[in-house]
Amino acid sequence: MHLINEQLAYVGKTWEEVKNDPEWFRNNQLTKKQYKEWKEYSIKRIQEVYNFDHQQAELEFSYFDMGYGLSVK
């Protein structure tokens, strides 16, 4: 939930605000710059929480992003 809220913060929203919208990940978009910042933050956070090396964290992020990432404009 932390990573979802972190990306939603870029668009001024929280999970509580979008959870009833089945298209929340399409109706909210990140800029390319925001996406890059969120990706870098997320990979570092995954490394810290799960004690993954950078490559493992990138792979985990890609799975997370495919399932829960906002679209990029």
PDB file of N, CA and C in Angstrom:
ATOM      1  N   MET A   1       0.829  -1.193   0.000  1.00  0.00           N
ATOM      2  CA  MET A   1       0.000   0.000   0.000  1.00  0.00           C
ATOM      3  C   MET A   1       0.875   1.260   0.000  1.00  0.00           C
ATOM      4  N   HIS A   2       2.024   1.153   0.624  1.00  0.00           N
ATOM      5  CA  HIS A   2       2.908   2.318   0.699  1.00  0.00           C
ATOM      6  C   HIS A   2       3.295   2.821  -0.685  1.00  0.00           C
ATOM      7  N   LEU A   3       3.669   1.924  -1.574  1.00  0.00           N
ATOM      8  CA  LEU A   3       4.097   2.352  -2.915  1.00  0.00           C
ATOM      9  C   LEU A   3       2.934   2.921  -3.727  1.00  0.00           C
ATOM     10  N   ILE A   4       1.752   2.391  -3.513  1.00  0.00           N
ATOM     11  CA  ILE A   4       0.577   2.940  -4.203  1.00  0.00           C
ATOM     12  C   ILE A   4       0.319   4.366  -3.720  1.00  0.00           C
ATOM     13  N   ASN A   5       0.325   4.568  -2.420  1.00  0.00           N
ATOM     14  CA  ASN A   5       0.106   5.911  -1.893  1.00  0.00           C
ATOM     15  C   ASN A   5       1.218   6.870  -2.312  1.00  0.00           C
ATOM     16  N   GLU A   6       2.427   6.358  -2.400  1.00  0.00           N
ATOM     17  CA  GLU A   6       3.554   7.202  -2.812  1.00  0.00           C
ATOM     18  C   GLU A   6       3.358   7.706  -4.244  1.00  0.00           C
ATOM     19  N   GLN A   7       2.926   6.842  -5.142  1.00  0.00           N
ATOM     20  CA  GLN A   7       2.707   7.308  -6.510  1.00  0.00           C
ATOM     21  C   GLN A   7       1.472   8.198  -6.609  1.00  0.00           C
ATOM     22  N   LEU A   8       0.433   7.896  -5.841  1.00  0.00           N
ATOM     23  CA  LEU A   8      -0.763   8.739  -5.871  1.00  0.00           C
ATOM     24  C   LEU A   8      -0.496  10.129  -5.311  1.00  0.00           C
ATOM     25  N   ALA A   9       0.481  10.254  -4.440  1.00  0.00           N
ATOM     26  CA  ALA A   9       0.841  11.569  -3.888  1.00  0.00           C
ATOM     27  C   ALA A   9       1.264  12.525  -4.994  1.00  0.00           C
ATOM     28  N   TYR A  10       1.838  11.996  -6.056  1.00  0.00           N
ATOM     29  CA  TYR A  10       2.243  12.844  -7.185  1.00  0.00           C
ATOM     30  C   TYR A  10       1.048  13.507  -7.867  1.00  0.00           C
ATOM     31  N   VAL A  11      -0.115  12.886  -7.761  1.00  0.00           N
ATOM     32  CA  VAL A  11      -1.320  13.466  -8.365  1.00  0.00           C
ATOM     33  C   VAL A  11      -2.271  14.015  -7.307  1.00  0.00           C
ATOM     34  N   GLY A  12      -1.768  14.127  -6.077  1.00  0.00           N
ATOM     35  CA  GLY A  12      -2.550  14.737  -5.004  1.00  0.00           C
ATOM     36  C   GLY A  12      -3.682  13.889  -4.466  1.00  0.00           C
ATOM     37  N   LYS A  13      -3.521  12.561  -4.540  1.00  0.00           N
ATOM     38  CA  LYS A  13      -4.582  11.670  -4.062  1.00  0.00           C
ATOM     39  C   LYS A  13      -4.008  10.596  -3.159  1.00  0.00           C
ATOM     40  N   THR A  14      -4.915   9.861  -2.508  1.00  0.00           N
ATOM     41  CA  THR A  14      -4.535   8.725  -1.668  1.00  0.00           C
ATOM     42  C   THR A  14      -5.361   7.513  -2.099  1.00  0.00           C
ATOM     43  N   TRP A  15      -4.976   6.352  -1.591  1.00  0.00           N
ATOM     44  CA  TRP A  15      -5.721   5.134  -1.885  1.00  0.00           C
ATOM     45  C   TRP A  15      -7.177   5.269  -1.440  1.00  0.00           C
ATOM     46  N   GLU A  16      -7.397   5.878  -0.293  1.00  0.00           N
ATOM     47  CA  GLU A  16      -8.762   6.053   0.208  1.00  0.00           C
ATOM     48  C   GLU A  16      -9.630   6.831  -0.775  1.00  0.00           C
ATOM     49  N   GLU A  17      -9.029   7.752  -1.493  1.00  0.00           N
ATOM     50  CA  GLU A  17      -9.778   8.571  -2.454  1.00  0.00           C
ATOM     51  C   GLU A  17     -10.073   7.846  -3.767  1.00  0.00           C
ATOM     52  N   VAL A  18      -9.264   6.870  -4.139  1.00  0.00           N
ATOM     53  CA  VAL A  18      -9.434   6.236  -5.453  1.00  0.00           C
ATOM     54  C   VAL A  18      -9.896   4.782  -5.383  1.00  0.00           C
ATOM     55  N   LYS A  19      -9.945   4.210  -4.193  1.00  0.00           N
ATOM     56  CA  LYS A  19     -10.183   2.769  -4.088  1.00  0.00           C
ATOM     57  C   LYS A  19     -11.518   2.292  -4.662  1.00  0.00           C
ATOM     58  N   ASN A  20     -12.494   3.160  -4.779  1.00  0.00           N
ATOM     59  CA  ASN A  20     -13.791   2.765  -5.332  1.00  0.00           C
ATOM     60  C   ASN A  20     -13.893   3.003  -6.838  1.00  0.00           C
ATOM     61  N   ASP A  21     -12.819   3.488  -7.432  1.00  0.00           N
ATOM     62  CA  ASP A  21     -12.764   3.720  -8.874  1.00  0.00           C
ATOM     63  C   ASP A  21     -12.012   2.562  -9.527  1.00  0.00           C
ATOM     64  N   PRO A  22     -12.712   1.675 -10.244  1.00  0.00           N
ATOM     65  CA  PRO A  22     -12.032   0.529 -10.832  1.00  0.00           C
ATOM     66  C   PRO A  22     -10.986   0.917 -11.883  1.00  0.00           C
ATOM     67  N   GLU A  23     -11.030   2.115 -12.365  1.00  0.00           N
ATOM     68  CA  GLU A  23     -10.076   2.595 -13.373  1.00  0.00           C
ATOM     69  C   GLU A  23      -9.081   3.596 -12.785  1.00  0.00           C
ATOM     70  N   TRP A  24      -8.837   3.528 -11.471  1.00  0.00           N
ATOM     71  CA  TRP A  24      -7.993   4.518 -10.795  1.00  0.00           C
ATOM     72  C   TRP A  24      -6.609   4.637 -11.411  1.00  0.00           C
ATOM     73  N   PHE A  25      -6.053   3.531 -11.880  1.00  0.00           N
ATOM     74  CA  PHE A  25      -4.698   3.556 -12.426  1.00  0.00           C
ATOM     75  C   PHE A  25      -4.661   4.117 -13.846  1.00  0.00           C
ATOM     76  N   ARG A  26      -5.810   4.224 -14.494  1.00  0.00           N
ATOM     77  CA  ARG A  26      -5.890   4.852 -15.817  1.00  0.00           C
ATOM     78  C   ARG A  26      -6.364   6.295 -15.722  1.00  0.00           C
ATOM     79  N   ASN A  27      -7.184   6.581 -14.729  1.00  0.00           N
ATOM     80  CA  ASN A  27      -7.740   7.925 -14.569  1.00  0.00           C
ATOM     81  C   ASN A  27      -6.763   8.907 -13.928  1.00  0.00           C
ATOM     82  N   ASN A  28      -5.652   8.419 -13.454  1.00  0.00           N
ATOM     83  CA  ASN A  28      -4.616   9.258 -12.848  1.00  0.00           C
ATOM     84  C   ASN A  28      -3.313   8.960 -13.571  1.00  0.00           C
ATOM     85  N   GLN A  29      -2.607  10.005 -13.949  1.00  0.00           N
ATOM     86  CA  GLN A  29      -1.392   9.811 -14.732  1.00  0.00           C
ATOM     87  C   GLN A  29      -0.201  10.529 -14.119  1.00  0.00           C
ATOM     88  N   LEU A  30       0.957   9.920 -14.300  1.00  0.00           N
ATOM     89  CA  LEU A  30       2.210  10.541 -13.898  1.00  0.00           C
ATOM     90  C   LEU A  30       2.906  11.095 -15.133  1.00  0.00           C
ATOM     91  N   THR A  31       3.678  12.156 -14.948  1.00  0.00           N
ATOM     92  CA  THR A  31       4.539  12.610 -16.032  1.00  0.00           C
ATOM     93  C   THR A  31       5.736  11.661 -16.097  1.00  0.00           C
ATOM     94  N   LYS A  32       6.504  11.740 -17.151  1.00  0.00           N
ATOM     95  CA  LYS A  32       7.694  10.894 -17.261  1.00  0.00           C
ATOM     96  C   LYS A  32       8.668  11.177 -16.127  1.00  0.00           C
ATOM     97  N   LYS A  33       8.793  12.442 -15.760  1.00  0.00           N
ATOM     98  CA  LYS A  33       9.690  12.818 -14.669  1.00  0.00           C
ATOM     99  C   LYS A  33       9.192  12.239 -13.344  1.00  0.00           C
ATOM    100  N   GLN A  34       7.895  12.373 -13.089  1.00  0.00           N
ATOM    101  CA  GLN A  34       7.323  11.823 -11.856  1.00  0.00           C
ATOM    102  C   GLN A  34       7.499  10.306 -11.807  1.00  0.00           C
ATOM    103  N   TYR A  35       7.280   9.651 -12.941  1.00  0.00           N
ATOM    104  CA  TYR A  35       7.426   8.200 -12.989  1.00  0.00           C
ATOM    105  C   TYR A  35       8.859   7.795 -12.657  1.00  0.00           C
ATOM    106  N   LYS A  36       9.823   8.495 -13.235  1.00  0.00           N
ATOM    107  CA  LYS A  36      11.225   8.184 -12.969  1.00  0.00           C
ATOM    108  C   LYS A  36      11.543   8.341 -11.485  1.00  0.00           C
ATOM    109  N   GLU A  37      11.069   9.432 -10.877  1.00  0.00           N
ATOM    110  CA  GLU A  37      11.295   9.656  -9.443  1.00  0.00           C
ATOM    111  C   GLU A  37      10.648   8.563  -8.610  1.00  0.00           C
ATOM    112  N   TRP A  38       9.406   8.214  -8.938  1.00  0.00           N
ATOM    113  CA  TRP A  38       8.686   7.180  -8.194  1.00  0.00           C
ATOM    114  C   TRP A  38       9.366   5.818  -8.354  1.00  0.00           C
ATOM    115  N   LYS A  39       9.824   5.517  -9.557  1.00  0.00           N
ATOM    116  CA  LYS A  39      10.509   4.251  -9.807  1.00  0.00           C
ATOM    117  C   LYS A  39      11.789   4.155  -8.976  1.00  0.00           C
ATOM    118  N   GLU A  40      12.590   5.207  -8.990  1.00  0.00           N
ATOM    119  CA  GLU A  40      13.834   5.208  -8.221  1.00  0.00           C
ATOM    120  C   GLU A  40      13.549   5.049  -6.728  1.00  0.00           C
ATOM    121  N   TYR A  41      12.571   5.793  -6.230  1.00  0.00           N
ATOM    122  CA  TYR A  41      12.185   5.686  -4.821  1.00  0.00           C
ATOM    123  C   TYR A  41      11.730   4.258  -4.508  1.00  0.00           C
ATOM    124  N   SER A  42      10.879   3.709  -5.356  1.00  0.00           N
ATOM    125  CA  SER A  42      10.304   2.388  -5.113  1.00  0.00           C
ATOM    126  C   SER A  42      11.368   1.300  -5.092  1.00  0.00           C
ATOM    127  N   ILE A  43      12.294   1.360  -6.006  1.00  0.00           N
ATOM    128  CA  ILE A  43      13.347   0.348  -6.053  1.00  0.00           C
ATOM    129  C   ILE A  43      14.195   0.418  -4.783  1.00  0.00           C
ATOM    130  N   LYS A  44      14.534   1.624  -4.356  1.00  0.00           N
ATOM    131  CA  LYS A  44      15.301   1.767  -3.109  1.00  0.00           C
ATOM    132  C   LYS A  44      14.504   1.239  -1.920  1.00  0.00           C
ATOM    133  N   ARG A  45      13.227   1.543  -1.897  1.00  0.00           N
ATOM    134  CA  ARG A  45      12.379   1.102  -0.782  1.00  0.00           C
ATOM    135  C   ARG A  45      12.257  -0.423  -0.752  1.00  0.00           C
ATOM    136  N   ILE A  46      12.083  -1.028  -1.922  1.00  0.00           N
ATOM    137  CA  ILE A  46      12.001  -2.491  -2.014  1.00  0.00           C
ATOM    138  C   ILE A  46      13.303  -3.121  -1.525  1.00  0.00           C
ATOM    139  N   GLN A  47      14.424  -2.522  -1.890  1.00  0.00           N
ATOM    140  CA  GLN A  47      15.716  -3.022  -1.422  1.00  0.00           C
ATOM    141  C   GLN A  47      15.796  -2.980   0.105  1.00  0.00           C
ATOM    142  N   GLU A  48      15.344  -1.882   0.679  1.00  0.00           N
ATOM    143  CA  GLU A  48      15.396  -1.723   2.134  1.00  0.00           C
ATOM    144  C   GLU A  48      14.474  -2.700   2.858  1.00  0.00           C
ATOM    145  N   VAL A  49      13.261  -2.795   2.398  1.00  0.00           N
ATOM    146  CA  VAL A  49      12.249  -3.597   3.092  1.00  0.00           C
ATOM    147  C   VAL A  49      12.520  -5.098   2.944  1.00  0.00           C
ATOM    148  N   TYR A  50      12.884  -5.523   1.744  1.00  0.00           N
ATOM    149  CA  TYR A  50      13.035  -6.954   1.484  1.00  0.00           C
ATOM    150  C   TYR A  50      14.493  -7.419   1.429  1.00  0.00           C
ATOM    151  N   ASN A  51      15.403  -6.500   1.628  1.00  0.00           N
ATOM    152  CA  ASN A  51      16.829  -6.815   1.591  1.00  0.00           C
ATOM    153  C   ASN A  51      17.232  -7.445   0.251  1.00  0.00           C
ATOM    154  N   PHE A  52      16.651  -6.922  -0.840  1.00  0.00           N
ATOM    155  CA  PHE A  52      16.959  -7.382  -2.190  1.00  0.00           C
ATOM    156  C   PHE A  52      18.137  -6.591  -2.735  1.00  0.00           C
ATOM    157  N   ASP A  53      18.886  -7.213  -3.651  1.00  0.00           N
ATOM    158  CA  ASP A  53      19.891  -6.437  -4.363  1.00  0.00           C
ATOM    159  C   ASP A  53      19.155  -5.608  -5.435  1.00  0.00           C
ATOM    160  N   HIS A  54      19.890  -4.743  -6.108  1.00  0.00           N
ATOM    161  CA  HIS A  54      19.257  -3.810  -7.054  1.00  0.00           C
ATOM    162  C   HIS A  54      18.506  -4.548  -8.164  1.00  0.00           C
ATOM    163  N   GLN A  55      19.103  -5.601  -8.697  1.00  0.00           N
ATOM    164  CA  GLN A  55      18.472  -6.344  -9.786  1.00  0.00           C
ATOM    165  C   GLN A  55      17.167  -7.001  -9.333  1.00  0.00           C
ATOM    166  N   GLN A  56      17.171  -7.604  -8.167  1.00  0.00           N
ATOM    167  CA  GLN A  56      15.952  -8.226  -7.635  1.00  0.00           C
ATOM    168  C   GLN A  56      14.873  -7.166  -7.397  1.00  0.00           C
ATOM    169  N   ALA A  57      15.276  -6.012  -6.863  1.00  0.00           N
ATOM    170  CA  ALA A  57      14.323  -4.938  -6.584  1.00  0.00           C
ATOM    171  C   ALA A  57      13.725  -4.395  -7.878  1.00  0.00           C
ATOM    172  N   GLU A  58      14.536  -4.271  -8.926  1.00  0.00           N
ATOM    173  CA  GLU A  58      14.013  -3.810 -10.220  1.00  0.00           C
ATOM    174  C   GLU A  58      12.982  -4.782 -10.768  1.00  0.00           C
ATOM    175  N   LEU A  59      13.257  -6.068 -10.646  1.00  0.00           N
ATOM    176  CA  LEU A  59      12.318  -7.084 -11.119  1.00  0.00           C
ATOM    177  C   LEU A  59      11.008  -7.014 -10.337  1.00  0.00           C
ATOM    178  N   GLU A  60      11.121  -6.929  -9.023  1.00  0.00           N
ATOM    179  CA  GLU A  60       9.917  -6.817  -8.182  1.00  0.00           C
ATOM    180  C   GLU A  60       9.133  -5.554  -8.525  1.00  0.00           C
ATOM    181  N   PHE A  61       9.840  -4.453  -8.749  1.00  0.00           N
ATOM    182  CA  PHE A  61       9.173  -3.211  -9.122  1.00  0.00           C
ATOM    183  C   PHE A  61       8.420  -3.384 -10.438  1.00  0.00           C
ATOM    184  N   SER A  62       9.032  -4.046 -11.410  1.00  0.00           N
ATOM    185  CA  SER A  62       8.365  -4.204 -12.711  1.00  0.00           C
ATOM    186  C   SER A  62       7.058  -4.966 -12.566  1.00  0.00           C
ATOM    187  N   TYR A  63       7.041  -6.004 -11.706  1.00  0.00           N
ATOM    188  CA  TYR A  63       5.795  -6.737 -11.462  1.00  0.00           C
ATOM    189  C   TYR A  63       4.758  -5.821 -10.798  1.00  0.00           C
ATOM    190  N   PHE A  64       5.200  -5.075  -9.798  1.00  0.00           N
ATOM    191  CA  PHE A  64       4.297  -4.171  -9.097  1.00  0.00           C
ATOM    192  C   PHE A  64       3.742  -3.116 -10.054  1.00  0.00           C
ATOM    193  N   ASP A  65       4.619  -2.533 -10.855  1.00  0.00           N
ATOM    194  CA  ASP A  65       4.228  -1.478 -11.782  1.00  0.00           C
ATOM    195  C   ASP A  65       3.211  -1.984 -12.801  1.00  0.00           C
ATOM    196  N   MET A  66       3.407  -3.198 -13.302  1.00  0.00           N
ATOM    197  CA  MET A  66       2.460  -3.751 -14.282  1.00  0.00           C
ATOM    198  C   MET A  66       1.070  -3.919 -13.674  1.00  0.00           C
ATOM    199  N   GLY A  67       1.022  -4.261 -12.399  1.00  0.00           N
ATOM    200  CA  GLY A  67      -0.273  -4.511 -11.762  1.00  0.00           C
ATOM    201  C   GLY A  67      -0.921  -3.290 -11.156  1.00  0.00           C
ATOM    202  N   TYR A  68      -0.105  -2.339 -10.668  1.00  0.00           N
ATOM    203  CA  TYR A  68      -0.656  -1.230  -9.903  1.00  0.00           C
ATOM    204  C   TYR A  68      -0.145   0.155 -10.301  1.00  0.00           C
ATOM    205  N   GLY A  69       0.709   0.199 -11.287  1.00  0.00           N
ATOM    206  CA  GLY A  69       1.286   1.490 -11.673  1.00  0.00           C
ATOM    207  C   GLY A  69       0.312   2.367 -12.433  1.00  0.00           C
ATOM    208  N   LEU A  70       0.428   3.665 -12.181  1.00  0.00           N
ATOM    209  CA  LEU A  70      -0.379   4.627 -12.934  1.00  0.00           C
ATOM    210  C   LEU A  70       0.153   4.727 -14.353  1.00  0.00           C
ATOM    211  N   SER A  71      -0.714   5.153 -15.264  1.00  0.00           N
ATOM    212  CA  SER A  71      -0.252   5.355 -16.629  1.00  0.00           C
ATOM    213  C   SER A  71       0.633   6.599 -16.676  1.00  0.00           C
ATOM    214  N   VAL A  72       1.446   6.677 -17.700  1.00  0.00           N
ATOM    215  CA  VAL A  72       2.393   7.776 -17.854  1.00  0.00           C
ATOM    216  C   VAL A  72       1.996   8.585 -19.073  1.00  0.00           C
ATOM    217  N   LYS A  73       1.960   9.919 -18.889  1.00  0.00           N
ATOM    218  CA  LYS A  73       1.597  10.777 -20.031  1.00  0.00           C
ATOM    219  C   LYS A  73       2.829  11.363 -20.685  1.00  0.00           C
TER     220      LYS A  73
END
